[in-house]
């Protein structure tokens, strides 16, 4: 049986802090590259572990995640690399997500980079965890899907013991990445608390 909280330890997190912020996640899955690629690009499979998606899903086409981001498919090189614009809300500014897959030890090395222009007020309040915890939850969903399991219910996941531990651990891990990138200790602690409260509010 999969230890959901242990899934956190399977990923390496990094923050590249500049005018544009990049959160990067890297982890290995026990599945072949073709399978992981299909899970990340097939609309039916995406809906089972991530979100329902519609649109013209090919290079140069556009996509819409139900109730979430939309954008253009900038690059699609099956089964290795995809890059999309990731636009959400009013005046989102520059925001791109790139996923790269490569074979590693009989499985797949999955690498995700989300680069965006982030308003200073938002960044100083939430730091990289605002985006990073969301991607940690997505990668957990992919892990469960590839292992034949069901995705967690994100509307109630934070109310479970393992859900709270997962979200809290993810927030702290992004705090560590923020600190490693030069974030001031007091700012890092404040952002970790704010992100944890956002994703796992007290009942």
N, C-alpha and C. Protein backbone atom coordinates (compact mmCIF):
# COMPACT_ATOMS: atom_id res chain seq x y z
N UNK A 1 0.85 -1.20 0.00
CA UNK A 1 0.00 0.00 0.00
C UNK A 1 0.88 1.25 0.00
N UNK A 2 0.53 2.24 -0.79
CA UNK A 2 1.33 3.45 -0.91
C UNK A 2 1.25 4.30 0.35
N UNK A 3 2.42 4.74 0.83
CA UNK A 3 2.48 5.70 1.93
C UNK A 3 2.42 7.09 1.31
N UNK A 4 1.27 7.74 1.42
CA UNK A 4 1.06 9.02 0.76
C UNK A 4 2.04 10.08 1.25
N UNK A 5 2.27 10.11 2.57
CA UNK A 5 3.17 11.12 3.12
C UNK A 5 4.60 10.88 2.64
N UNK A 6 5.00 9.61 2.51
CA UNK A 6 6.35 9.30 2.04
C UNK A 6 6.58 9.78 0.61
N UNK A 7 5.49 9.98 -0.15
CA UNK A 7 5.63 10.48 -1.51
C UNK A 7 6.34 11.84 -1.54
N UNK A 8 6.19 12.61 -0.48
CA UNK A 8 6.89 13.90 -0.40
C UNK A 8 8.39 13.75 -0.53
N UNK A 9 8.91 12.69 0.10
CA UNK A 9 10.36 12.49 0.12
C UNK A 9 10.92 12.00 -1.21
N UNK A 10 10.04 11.66 -2.13
CA UNK A 10 10.48 11.17 -3.43
C UNK A 10 10.78 12.30 -4.42
N UNK A 11 10.47 13.52 -4.02
CA UNK A 11 10.65 14.66 -4.92
C UNK A 11 11.75 15.58 -4.42
N UNK A 12 12.49 16.15 -5.38
CA UNK A 12 13.46 17.20 -5.09
C UNK A 12 12.85 18.53 -5.54
N UNK A 13 12.94 19.53 -4.67
CA UNK A 13 12.34 20.84 -4.95
C UNK A 13 13.41 21.91 -5.01
N UNK A 14 13.21 22.84 -5.93
CA UNK A 14 14.17 23.93 -6.07
C UNK A 14 13.44 25.20 -6.47
N UNK A 15 13.91 26.32 -5.93
CA UNK A 15 13.40 27.63 -6.31
C UNK A 15 14.51 28.42 -6.99
N UNK A 16 14.22 28.94 -8.15
CA UNK A 16 15.11 29.88 -8.83
C UNK A 16 14.45 31.25 -8.67
N UNK A 17 15.07 32.11 -7.86
CA UNK A 17 14.46 33.37 -7.46
C UNK A 17 15.10 34.53 -8.20
N UNK A 18 14.31 35.22 -8.99
CA UNK A 18 14.76 36.39 -9.72
C UNK A 18 13.57 37.25 -10.05
N UNK A 19 13.66 38.03 -11.11
CA UNK A 19 12.51 38.83 -11.53
C UNK A 19 11.34 37.91 -11.84
N UNK A 20 11.63 36.77 -12.47
CA UNK A 20 10.65 35.70 -12.64
C UNK A 20 11.01 34.59 -11.67
N UNK A 21 10.01 33.98 -11.09
CA UNK A 21 10.22 32.90 -10.12
C UNK A 21 9.99 31.56 -10.81
N UNK A 22 10.87 30.61 -10.55
CA UNK A 22 10.71 29.25 -11.08
C UNK A 22 10.67 28.27 -9.93
N UNK A 23 9.57 27.52 -9.81
CA UNK A 23 9.54 26.39 -8.89
C UNK A 23 9.77 25.14 -9.74
N UNK A 24 10.68 24.30 -9.26
CA UNK A 24 11.06 23.10 -10.02
C UNK A 24 10.89 21.87 -9.13
N UNK A 25 10.30 20.84 -9.70
CA UNK A 25 10.10 19.56 -9.02
C UNK A 25 10.67 18.45 -9.88
N UNK A 26 11.35 17.51 -9.23
CA UNK A 26 11.92 16.37 -9.96
C UNK A 26 11.72 15.12 -9.12
N UNK A 27 11.17 14.07 -9.75
CA UNK A 27 11.01 12.80 -9.04
C UNK A 27 10.92 11.65 -10.04
N UNK A 28 11.12 10.44 -9.55
CA UNK A 28 11.07 9.25 -10.39
C UNK A 28 9.75 8.51 -10.15
N UNK A 29 9.16 8.00 -11.22
CA UNK A 29 7.98 7.16 -11.14
C UNK A 29 8.32 5.76 -11.63
N UNK A 30 7.70 4.76 -11.01
CA UNK A 30 7.90 3.36 -11.44
C UNK A 30 6.96 3.04 -12.59
N UNK A 31 7.12 3.75 -13.68
CA UNK A 31 6.32 3.52 -14.88
C UNK A 31 7.14 3.96 -16.08
N UNK A 32 6.85 3.38 -17.24
CA UNK A 32 7.60 3.71 -18.44
C UNK A 32 7.29 5.11 -18.94
N UNK A 33 8.21 5.65 -19.72
CA UNK A 33 8.06 7.00 -20.24
C UNK A 33 6.77 7.14 -21.05
N UNK A 34 6.47 6.17 -21.89
CA UNK A 34 5.26 6.26 -22.73
C UNK A 34 4.00 6.31 -21.87
N UNK A 35 3.99 5.54 -20.79
CA UNK A 35 2.82 5.52 -19.91
C UNK A 35 2.66 6.86 -19.20
N UNK A 36 3.76 7.40 -18.68
CA UNK A 36 3.70 8.68 -17.98
C UNK A 36 3.30 9.79 -18.96
N UNK A 37 3.85 9.73 -20.18
CA UNK A 37 3.49 10.74 -21.19
C UNK A 37 2.00 10.69 -21.48
N UNK A 38 1.46 9.48 -21.66
CA UNK A 38 0.04 9.33 -21.95
C UNK A 38 -0.81 9.86 -20.79
N UNK A 39 -0.37 9.59 -19.57
CA UNK A 39 -1.11 10.07 -18.40
C UNK A 39 -1.13 11.59 -18.33
N UNK A 40 -0.08 12.23 -18.85
CA UNK A 40 0.05 13.68 -18.78
C UNK A 40 -0.57 14.41 -19.97
N UNK A 41 -0.90 13.68 -21.03
CA UNK A 41 -1.36 14.36 -22.25
C UNK A 41 -2.71 13.86 -22.77
N UNK A 42 -3.19 12.72 -22.30
CA UNK A 42 -4.48 12.21 -22.73
C UNK A 42 -5.59 12.82 -21.87
N UNK A 43 -6.58 13.44 -22.51
CA UNK A 43 -7.61 14.17 -21.78
C UNK A 43 -8.35 13.29 -20.78
N UNK A 44 -8.68 12.05 -21.16
CA UNK A 44 -9.41 11.17 -20.26
C UNK A 44 -8.58 10.83 -19.04
N UNK A 45 -7.30 10.52 -19.24
CA UNK A 45 -6.45 10.16 -18.11
C UNK A 45 -6.17 11.38 -17.23
N UNK A 46 -5.99 12.53 -17.83
CA UNK A 46 -5.77 13.75 -17.04
C UNK A 46 -6.93 14.00 -16.08
N UNK A 47 -8.12 13.74 -16.53
CA UNK A 47 -9.29 13.99 -15.69
C UNK A 47 -9.34 13.05 -14.50
N UNK A 48 -8.66 11.91 -14.62
CA UNK A 48 -8.69 10.92 -13.54
C UNK A 48 -7.71 11.22 -12.41
N UNK A 49 -6.66 12.00 -12.70
CA UNK A 49 -5.71 12.29 -11.62
C UNK A 49 -5.44 13.78 -11.41
N UNK A 50 -5.82 14.61 -12.39
CA UNK A 50 -5.52 16.03 -12.31
C UNK A 50 -6.82 16.83 -12.35
N UNK A 51 -7.23 17.26 -13.53
CA UNK A 51 -8.48 18.01 -13.72
C UNK A 51 -9.03 17.72 -15.10
N UNK A 52 -10.34 17.84 -15.28
CA UNK A 52 -10.90 17.75 -16.63
C UNK A 52 -10.32 18.85 -17.52
N UNK A 53 -10.00 18.48 -18.76
CA UNK A 53 -9.39 19.43 -19.69
C UNK A 53 -10.10 19.36 -21.03
N UNK A 54 -10.22 20.51 -21.67
CA UNK A 54 -10.81 20.57 -23.00
C UNK A 54 -9.93 21.44 -23.88
N UNK A 55 -10.18 21.37 -25.19
CA UNK A 55 -9.44 22.22 -26.11
C UNK A 55 -8.85 21.44 -27.27
N UNK A 56 -8.00 22.11 -28.01
CA UNK A 56 -7.31 21.53 -29.16
C UNK A 56 -5.93 21.09 -28.68
N UNK A 57 -5.87 19.86 -28.19
CA UNK A 57 -4.69 19.41 -27.45
C UNK A 57 -3.58 18.94 -28.39
N UNK A 58 -2.92 19.90 -29.00
CA UNK A 58 -1.77 19.64 -29.87
C UNK A 58 -0.91 20.89 -29.87
N UNK A 59 0.32 20.76 -30.37
CA UNK A 59 1.19 21.93 -30.44
C UNK A 59 0.53 23.04 -31.26
N UNK A 60 0.51 24.24 -30.68
CA UNK A 60 -0.16 25.36 -31.32
C UNK A 60 -1.62 25.50 -30.94
N UNK A 61 -2.17 24.47 -30.29
CA UNK A 61 -3.56 24.51 -29.84
C UNK A 61 -3.68 25.16 -28.47
N UNK A 62 -4.88 25.17 -27.97
CA UNK A 62 -5.14 25.74 -26.65
C UNK A 62 -5.83 24.71 -25.77
N UNK A 63 -5.78 24.95 -24.46
CA UNK A 63 -6.41 24.05 -23.51
C UNK A 63 -7.12 24.87 -22.43
N UNK A 64 -8.06 24.24 -21.75
CA UNK A 64 -8.74 24.84 -20.61
C UNK A 64 -8.93 23.77 -19.55
N UNK A 65 -8.33 23.97 -18.38
CA UNK A 65 -8.57 23.09 -17.25
C UNK A 65 -9.82 23.58 -16.53
N UNK A 66 -10.71 22.66 -16.24
CA UNK A 66 -12.01 23.05 -15.67
C UNK A 66 -11.84 23.82 -14.37
N UNK A 67 -12.29 25.07 -14.37
CA UNK A 67 -12.22 25.89 -13.17
C UNK A 67 -10.82 26.33 -12.79
N UNK A 68 -9.88 26.20 -13.72
CA UNK A 68 -8.51 26.52 -13.37
C UNK A 68 -7.81 27.19 -14.55
N UNK A 69 -6.55 26.84 -14.79
CA UNK A 69 -5.73 27.53 -15.79
C UNK A 69 -6.16 27.20 -17.23
N UNK A 70 -5.74 28.10 -18.12
CA UNK A 70 -5.90 27.87 -19.55
C UNK A 70 -4.65 28.41 -20.22
N UNK A 71 -4.49 28.10 -21.50
CA UNK A 71 -3.33 28.62 -22.20
C UNK A 71 -3.11 27.97 -23.55
N UNK A 72 -1.92 28.20 -24.06
CA UNK A 72 -1.53 27.69 -25.37
C UNK A 72 -0.49 26.59 -25.20
N UNK A 73 -0.56 25.59 -26.06
CA UNK A 73 0.44 24.52 -26.06
C UNK A 73 1.59 24.97 -26.95
N UNK A 74 2.67 25.40 -26.33
CA UNK A 74 3.79 26.01 -27.05
C UNK A 74 4.69 24.97 -27.70
N UNK A 75 4.85 23.84 -27.02
CA UNK A 75 5.78 22.81 -27.49
C UNK A 75 5.24 21.45 -27.09
N UNK A 76 5.30 20.50 -28.03
CA UNK A 76 4.86 19.14 -27.73
C UNK A 76 5.75 18.18 -28.50
N UNK A 77 6.63 17.49 -27.78
CA UNK A 77 7.59 16.56 -28.39
C UNK A 77 7.41 15.18 -27.75
N UNK A 78 6.41 14.41 -28.22
CA UNK A 78 6.14 13.09 -27.63
C UNK A 78 7.35 12.18 -27.75
N UNK A 79 7.64 11.37 -26.72
CA UNK A 79 7.01 11.37 -25.41
C UNK A 79 7.92 12.03 -24.36
N UNK A 80 8.54 13.13 -24.71
CA UNK A 80 9.60 13.67 -23.86
C UNK A 80 9.33 15.02 -23.22
N UNK A 81 8.69 15.94 -23.96
CA UNK A 81 8.62 17.30 -23.44
C UNK A 81 7.38 18.03 -23.92
N UNK A 82 6.79 18.77 -22.99
CA UNK A 82 5.66 19.63 -23.32
C UNK A 82 5.80 20.94 -22.55
N UNK A 83 5.48 22.05 -23.20
CA UNK A 83 5.53 23.36 -22.55
C UNK A 83 4.26 24.12 -22.91
N UNK A 84 3.63 24.72 -21.91
CA UNK A 84 2.38 25.44 -22.12
C UNK A 84 2.42 26.77 -21.38
N UNK A 85 1.64 27.75 -21.88
CA UNK A 85 1.39 28.91 -21.04
C UNK A 85 0.36 28.50 -20.00
N UNK A 86 0.47 29.11 -18.81
CA UNK A 86 -0.38 28.72 -17.68
C UNK A 86 -1.01 29.99 -17.12
N UNK A 87 -2.21 30.30 -17.61
CA UNK A 87 -2.83 31.58 -17.31
C UNK A 87 -4.06 31.39 -16.43
N UNK A 88 -4.14 32.19 -15.38
CA UNK A 88 -5.24 32.06 -14.43
C UNK A 88 -5.54 33.42 -13.83
N UNK A 89 -6.81 33.78 -13.79
CA UNK A 89 -7.20 35.05 -13.21
C UNK A 89 -6.99 36.22 -14.16
N UNK A 90 -7.29 37.40 -13.66
CA UNK A 90 -7.15 38.60 -14.47
C UNK A 90 -5.68 39.04 -14.53
N UNK A 91 -5.25 39.46 -15.69
CA UNK A 91 -3.89 39.98 -15.89
C UNK A 91 -2.83 39.06 -15.28
N UNK A 92 -2.76 37.80 -15.73
CA UNK A 92 -1.85 36.84 -15.10
C UNK A 92 -0.38 37.11 -15.38
N UNK A 93 -0.06 37.87 -16.43
CA UNK A 93 1.35 38.08 -16.74
C UNK A 93 1.99 36.82 -17.31
N UNK A 94 3.33 36.81 -17.34
CA UNK A 94 4.04 35.66 -17.90
C UNK A 94 3.93 34.47 -16.95
N UNK A 95 3.56 33.32 -17.51
CA UNK A 95 3.49 32.09 -16.71
C UNK A 95 3.54 30.90 -17.66
N UNK A 96 4.57 30.08 -17.51
CA UNK A 96 4.74 28.88 -18.36
C UNK A 96 5.09 27.67 -17.50
N UNK A 97 4.59 26.53 -17.94
CA UNK A 97 4.90 25.25 -17.29
C UNK A 97 5.54 24.34 -18.33
N UNK A 98 6.63 23.71 -17.95
CA UNK A 98 7.29 22.74 -18.84
C UNK A 98 7.49 21.43 -18.09
N UNK A 99 7.14 20.33 -18.73
CA UNK A 99 7.35 18.99 -18.17
C UNK A 99 8.27 18.22 -19.11
N UNK A 100 9.30 17.62 -18.53
CA UNK A 100 10.26 16.82 -19.29
C UNK A 100 10.32 15.42 -18.69
N UNK A 101 10.28 14.41 -19.55
CA UNK A 101 10.34 13.01 -19.12
C UNK A 101 11.58 12.35 -19.71
N UNK A 102 12.23 11.50 -18.92
CA UNK A 102 13.37 10.73 -19.42
C UNK A 102 13.42 9.39 -18.70
N UNK A 103 13.94 8.40 -19.40
CA UNK A 103 14.02 7.06 -18.80
C UNK A 103 15.10 7.04 -17.72
N UNK A 104 14.79 6.36 -16.61
CA UNK A 104 15.75 6.25 -15.52
C UNK A 104 15.50 4.97 -14.73
N UNK A 105 16.46 4.07 -14.72
CA UNK A 105 16.41 2.84 -13.91
C UNK A 105 15.11 2.07 -14.08
N UNK A 106 14.67 1.90 -15.32
CA UNK A 106 13.46 1.14 -15.59
C UNK A 106 12.18 1.91 -15.35
N UNK A 107 12.30 3.16 -14.94
CA UNK A 107 11.12 3.99 -14.72
C UNK A 107 11.26 5.30 -15.47
N UNK A 108 10.65 6.35 -14.95
CA UNK A 108 10.65 7.64 -15.61
C UNK A 108 11.04 8.75 -14.64
N UNK A 109 12.00 9.56 -15.05
CA UNK A 109 12.33 10.77 -14.30
C UNK A 109 11.41 11.88 -14.81
N UNK A 110 10.61 12.41 -13.92
CA UNK A 110 9.63 13.45 -14.23
C UNK A 110 10.16 14.77 -13.70
N UNK A 111 10.26 15.76 -14.58
CA UNK A 111 10.74 17.08 -14.17
C UNK A 111 9.74 18.14 -14.59
N UNK A 112 9.35 18.99 -13.64
CA UNK A 112 8.38 20.05 -13.91
C UNK A 112 8.99 21.38 -13.48
N UNK A 113 8.85 22.39 -14.35
CA UNK A 113 9.30 23.74 -14.04
C UNK A 113 8.17 24.71 -14.35
N UNK A 114 7.81 25.50 -13.35
CA UNK A 114 6.77 26.52 -13.51
C UNK A 114 7.43 27.88 -13.28
N UNK A 115 7.52 28.67 -14.34
CA UNK A 115 8.15 29.98 -14.29
C UNK A 115 7.10 31.05 -14.48
N UNK A 116 7.10 32.04 -13.59
CA UNK A 116 6.05 33.06 -13.65
C UNK A 116 6.53 34.39 -13.10
N UNK A 117 5.87 35.44 -13.55
CA UNK A 117 6.02 36.75 -12.93
C UNK A 117 4.99 36.83 -11.80
N UNK A 118 5.48 37.03 -10.59
CA UNK A 118 4.61 37.00 -9.41
C UNK A 118 4.58 38.38 -8.76
N UNK A 119 3.40 38.96 -8.53
CA UNK A 119 3.33 40.26 -7.84
C UNK A 119 4.07 40.21 -6.50
N UNK A 120 4.83 41.23 -6.20
CA UNK A 120 5.66 41.24 -5.00
C UNK A 120 4.84 41.05 -3.73
N UNK A 121 3.68 41.68 -3.68
CA UNK A 121 2.83 41.55 -2.48
C UNK A 121 2.43 40.09 -2.26
N UNK A 122 2.06 39.41 -3.34
CA UNK A 122 1.66 38.00 -3.25
C UNK A 122 2.85 37.14 -2.85
N UNK A 123 4.01 37.40 -3.47
CA UNK A 123 5.21 36.60 -3.19
C UNK A 123 5.64 36.76 -1.74
N UNK A 124 5.64 37.98 -1.22
CA UNK A 124 6.10 38.22 0.14
C UNK A 124 5.15 37.58 1.16
N UNK A 125 3.90 37.36 0.76
CA UNK A 125 2.94 36.74 1.67
C UNK A 125 2.99 35.21 1.61
N UNK A 126 3.12 34.65 0.39
CA UNK A 126 3.00 33.20 0.24
C UNK A 126 4.27 32.49 -0.24
N UNK A 127 5.19 33.21 -0.88
CA UNK A 127 6.41 32.57 -1.35
C UNK A 127 6.15 31.46 -2.36
N UNK A 128 7.10 30.54 -2.53
CA UNK A 128 6.96 29.50 -3.56
C UNK A 128 5.92 28.44 -3.24
N UNK A 129 5.53 28.34 -1.97
CA UNK A 129 4.59 27.29 -1.59
C UNK A 129 3.22 27.44 -2.21
N UNK A 130 2.83 28.68 -2.54
CA UNK A 130 1.51 28.89 -3.14
C UNK A 130 1.35 28.06 -4.39
N UNK A 131 2.41 28.03 -5.20
CA UNK A 131 2.41 27.21 -6.41
C UNK A 131 2.92 25.81 -6.12
N UNK A 132 3.96 25.73 -5.30
CA UNK A 132 4.63 24.46 -5.05
C UNK A 132 3.76 23.41 -4.41
N UNK A 133 2.97 23.80 -3.40
CA UNK A 133 2.10 22.81 -2.74
C UNK A 133 1.06 22.28 -3.73
N UNK A 134 0.54 23.17 -4.58
CA UNK A 134 -0.40 22.71 -5.59
C UNK A 134 0.20 21.67 -6.51
N UNK A 135 1.45 21.90 -6.91
CA UNK A 135 2.11 20.91 -7.77
C UNK A 135 2.45 19.63 -7.00
N UNK A 136 2.78 19.73 -5.73
CA UNK A 136 3.00 18.52 -4.94
C UNK A 136 1.73 17.68 -4.89
N UNK A 137 0.58 18.33 -4.74
CA UNK A 137 -0.68 17.59 -4.73
C UNK A 137 -0.94 16.95 -6.09
N UNK A 138 -0.58 17.66 -7.17
CA UNK A 138 -0.76 17.09 -8.51
C UNK A 138 0.13 15.87 -8.70
N UNK A 139 1.39 15.96 -8.27
CA UNK A 139 2.31 14.84 -8.44
C UNK A 139 1.89 13.64 -7.60
N UNK A 140 1.26 13.90 -6.45
CA UNK A 140 0.69 12.81 -5.67
C UNK A 140 -0.43 12.14 -6.45
N UNK A 141 -1.28 12.95 -7.07
CA UNK A 141 -2.35 12.39 -7.89
C UNK A 141 -1.82 11.52 -9.01
N UNK A 142 -0.73 11.97 -9.65
CA UNK A 142 -0.14 11.18 -10.74
C UNK A 142 0.44 9.89 -10.20
N UNK A 143 1.09 9.94 -9.03
CA UNK A 143 1.64 8.72 -8.43
C UNK A 143 0.55 7.71 -8.13
N UNK A 144 -0.56 8.16 -7.56
CA UNK A 144 -1.66 7.26 -7.26
C UNK A 144 -2.25 6.68 -8.54
N UNK A 145 -2.38 7.50 -9.56
CA UNK A 145 -2.94 7.05 -10.84
C UNK A 145 -2.06 5.99 -11.48
N UNK A 146 -0.76 6.24 -11.51
CA UNK A 146 0.17 5.30 -12.15
C UNK A 146 0.24 3.98 -11.38
N UNK A 147 -0.07 4.03 -10.08
CA UNK A 147 -0.06 2.82 -9.25
C UNK A 147 -1.42 2.12 -9.26
N UNK A 148 -2.39 2.65 -10.04
CA UNK A 148 -3.69 2.02 -10.14
C UNK A 148 -4.67 2.45 -9.07
N UNK A 149 -4.34 3.52 -8.33
CA UNK A 149 -5.22 3.97 -7.27
C UNK A 149 -6.11 5.13 -7.70
N UNK A 150 -6.91 5.61 -6.76
CA UNK A 150 -7.82 6.72 -7.00
C UNK A 150 -7.20 8.01 -6.46
N UNK A 151 -7.48 9.13 -7.12
CA UNK A 151 -6.99 10.41 -6.64
C UNK A 151 -7.67 10.76 -5.32
N UNK A 152 -6.99 11.55 -4.51
CA UNK A 152 -7.59 11.98 -3.26
C UNK A 152 -8.62 13.07 -3.56
N UNK A 153 -9.57 13.23 -2.67
CA UNK A 153 -10.56 14.29 -2.78
C UNK A 153 -9.96 15.55 -2.17
N UNK A 154 -9.52 16.47 -3.02
CA UNK A 154 -8.82 17.63 -2.51
C UNK A 154 -9.71 18.54 -1.68
N UNK A 155 -11.02 18.40 -1.81
CA UNK A 155 -11.91 19.24 -1.01
C UNK A 155 -11.94 18.80 0.45
N UNK A 156 -11.57 17.54 0.71
CA UNK A 156 -11.58 17.03 2.09
C UNK A 156 -10.23 16.46 2.52
N UNK A 157 -9.27 16.40 1.61
CA UNK A 157 -7.96 15.79 1.92
C UNK A 157 -7.33 16.45 3.14
N UNK A 158 -7.45 17.78 3.25
CA UNK A 158 -6.82 18.50 4.36
C UNK A 158 -7.48 18.19 5.71
N UNK A 159 -8.64 17.54 5.70
CA UNK A 159 -9.33 17.21 6.93
C UNK A 159 -8.88 15.86 7.48
N UNK A 160 -8.12 15.09 6.69
CA UNK A 160 -7.61 13.80 7.14
C UNK A 160 -6.24 13.98 7.76
N UNK A 161 -5.85 13.03 8.63
CA UNK A 161 -4.54 13.12 9.28
C UNK A 161 -3.41 13.09 8.25
N UNK A 162 -3.48 12.14 7.29
CA UNK A 162 -2.40 12.05 6.32
C UNK A 162 -2.42 13.23 5.37
N UNK A 163 -3.61 13.77 5.09
CA UNK A 163 -3.70 14.94 4.24
C UNK A 163 -3.06 16.15 4.88
N UNK A 164 -3.34 16.37 6.15
CA UNK A 164 -2.73 17.51 6.84
C UNK A 164 -1.22 17.34 6.93
N UNK A 165 -0.77 16.11 7.18
CA UNK A 165 0.69 15.88 7.26
C UNK A 165 1.33 16.09 5.89
N UNK A 166 0.67 15.67 4.84
CA UNK A 166 1.22 15.85 3.50
C UNK A 166 1.32 17.33 3.15
N UNK A 167 0.25 18.07 3.37
CA UNK A 167 0.23 19.49 3.04
C UNK A 167 1.22 20.27 3.90
N UNK A 168 1.25 19.96 5.19
CA UNK A 168 2.19 20.64 6.08
C UNK A 168 3.63 20.33 5.68
N UNK A 169 3.89 19.06 5.36
CA UNK A 169 5.24 18.68 4.94
C UNK A 169 5.65 19.33 3.64
N UNK A 170 4.70 19.43 2.70
CA UNK A 170 4.97 20.10 1.43
C UNK A 170 5.29 21.57 1.64
N UNK A 171 4.49 22.23 2.46
CA UNK A 171 4.71 23.65 2.74
C UNK A 171 6.08 23.87 3.37
N UNK A 172 6.45 23.03 4.30
CA UNK A 172 7.77 23.15 4.93
C UNK A 172 8.89 22.88 3.94
N UNK A 173 8.68 21.90 3.06
CA UNK A 173 9.71 21.59 2.05
C UNK A 173 9.93 22.77 1.11
N UNK A 174 8.85 23.47 0.75
CA UNK A 174 9.01 24.66 -0.08
C UNK A 174 9.63 25.81 0.70
N UNK A 175 9.40 25.83 2.00
CA UNK A 175 10.10 26.79 2.84
C UNK A 175 11.60 26.53 2.83
N UNK A 176 11.99 25.25 2.87
CA UNK A 176 13.42 24.89 2.80
C UNK A 176 14.01 25.34 1.46
N UNK A 177 13.26 25.13 0.37
CA UNK A 177 13.75 25.54 -0.95
C UNK A 177 13.88 27.06 -1.02
N UNK A 178 12.93 27.76 -0.42
CA UNK A 178 12.96 29.22 -0.38
C UNK A 178 14.19 29.71 0.40
N UNK A 179 14.44 29.08 1.53
CA UNK A 179 15.59 29.45 2.36
C UNK A 179 16.89 29.17 1.61
N UNK A 180 16.95 28.04 0.91
CA UNK A 180 18.16 27.68 0.15
C UNK A 180 18.42 28.66 -0.98
N UNK A 181 17.35 29.31 -1.47
CA UNK A 181 17.50 30.28 -2.55
C UNK A 181 17.78 31.69 -2.03
N UNK A 182 17.94 31.79 -0.71
CA UNK A 182 18.31 33.08 -0.14
C UNK A 182 17.18 33.83 0.54
N UNK A 183 16.03 33.19 0.73
CA UNK A 183 14.91 33.86 1.38
C UNK A 183 15.20 34.16 2.83
N UNK A 184 14.87 35.36 3.32
CA UNK A 184 15.09 35.71 4.73
C UNK A 184 14.30 34.78 5.66
N UNK A 185 14.91 34.38 6.76
CA UNK A 185 14.31 33.39 7.64
C UNK A 185 12.93 33.80 8.14
N UNK A 186 12.76 35.07 8.54
CA UNK A 186 11.46 35.49 9.06
C UNK A 186 10.40 35.49 7.98
N UNK A 187 10.78 35.87 6.75
CA UNK A 187 9.82 35.86 5.64
C UNK A 187 9.44 34.43 5.29
N UNK A 188 10.43 33.53 5.30
CA UNK A 188 10.16 32.12 4.97
C UNK A 188 9.16 31.53 5.97
N UNK A 189 9.39 31.75 7.25
CA UNK A 189 8.50 31.19 8.26
C UNK A 189 7.08 31.73 8.10
N UNK A 190 6.96 33.02 7.80
CA UNK A 190 5.64 33.62 7.62
C UNK A 190 4.93 33.04 6.41
N UNK A 191 5.66 32.83 5.31
CA UNK A 191 5.02 32.28 4.11
C UNK A 191 4.62 30.83 4.32
N UNK A 192 5.43 30.06 5.02
CA UNK A 192 5.08 28.66 5.29
C UNK A 192 3.78 28.60 6.09
N UNK A 193 3.65 29.46 7.09
CA UNK A 193 2.43 29.49 7.89
C UNK A 193 1.22 29.89 7.04
N UNK A 194 1.40 30.88 6.17
CA UNK A 194 0.29 31.35 5.35
C UNK A 194 -0.15 30.29 4.35
N UNK A 195 0.82 29.63 3.72
CA UNK A 195 0.50 28.60 2.73
C UNK A 195 -0.19 27.41 3.40
N UNK A 196 0.31 26.99 4.56
CA UNK A 196 -0.30 25.88 5.28
C UNK A 196 -1.74 26.21 5.64
N UNK A 197 -1.98 27.43 6.11
CA UNK A 197 -3.34 27.85 6.48
C UNK A 197 -4.26 27.89 5.26
N UNK A 198 -3.69 28.23 4.08
CA UNK A 198 -4.50 28.29 2.87
C UNK A 198 -4.92 26.89 2.42
N UNK A 199 -3.96 25.97 2.35
CA UNK A 199 -4.25 24.64 1.82
C UNK A 199 -4.87 23.72 2.87
N UNK A 200 -4.60 23.97 4.14
CA UNK A 200 -5.13 23.10 5.19
C UNK A 200 -5.70 23.94 6.33
N UNK A 201 -6.79 24.70 6.04
CA UNK A 201 -7.38 25.54 7.08
C UNK A 201 -7.89 24.71 8.25
N UNK A 202 -7.80 25.28 9.42
CA UNK A 202 -8.33 24.60 10.60
C UNK A 202 -9.85 24.51 10.48
N UNK A 203 -10.40 23.42 10.97
CA UNK A 203 -11.85 23.23 10.90
C UNK A 203 -12.53 24.25 11.80
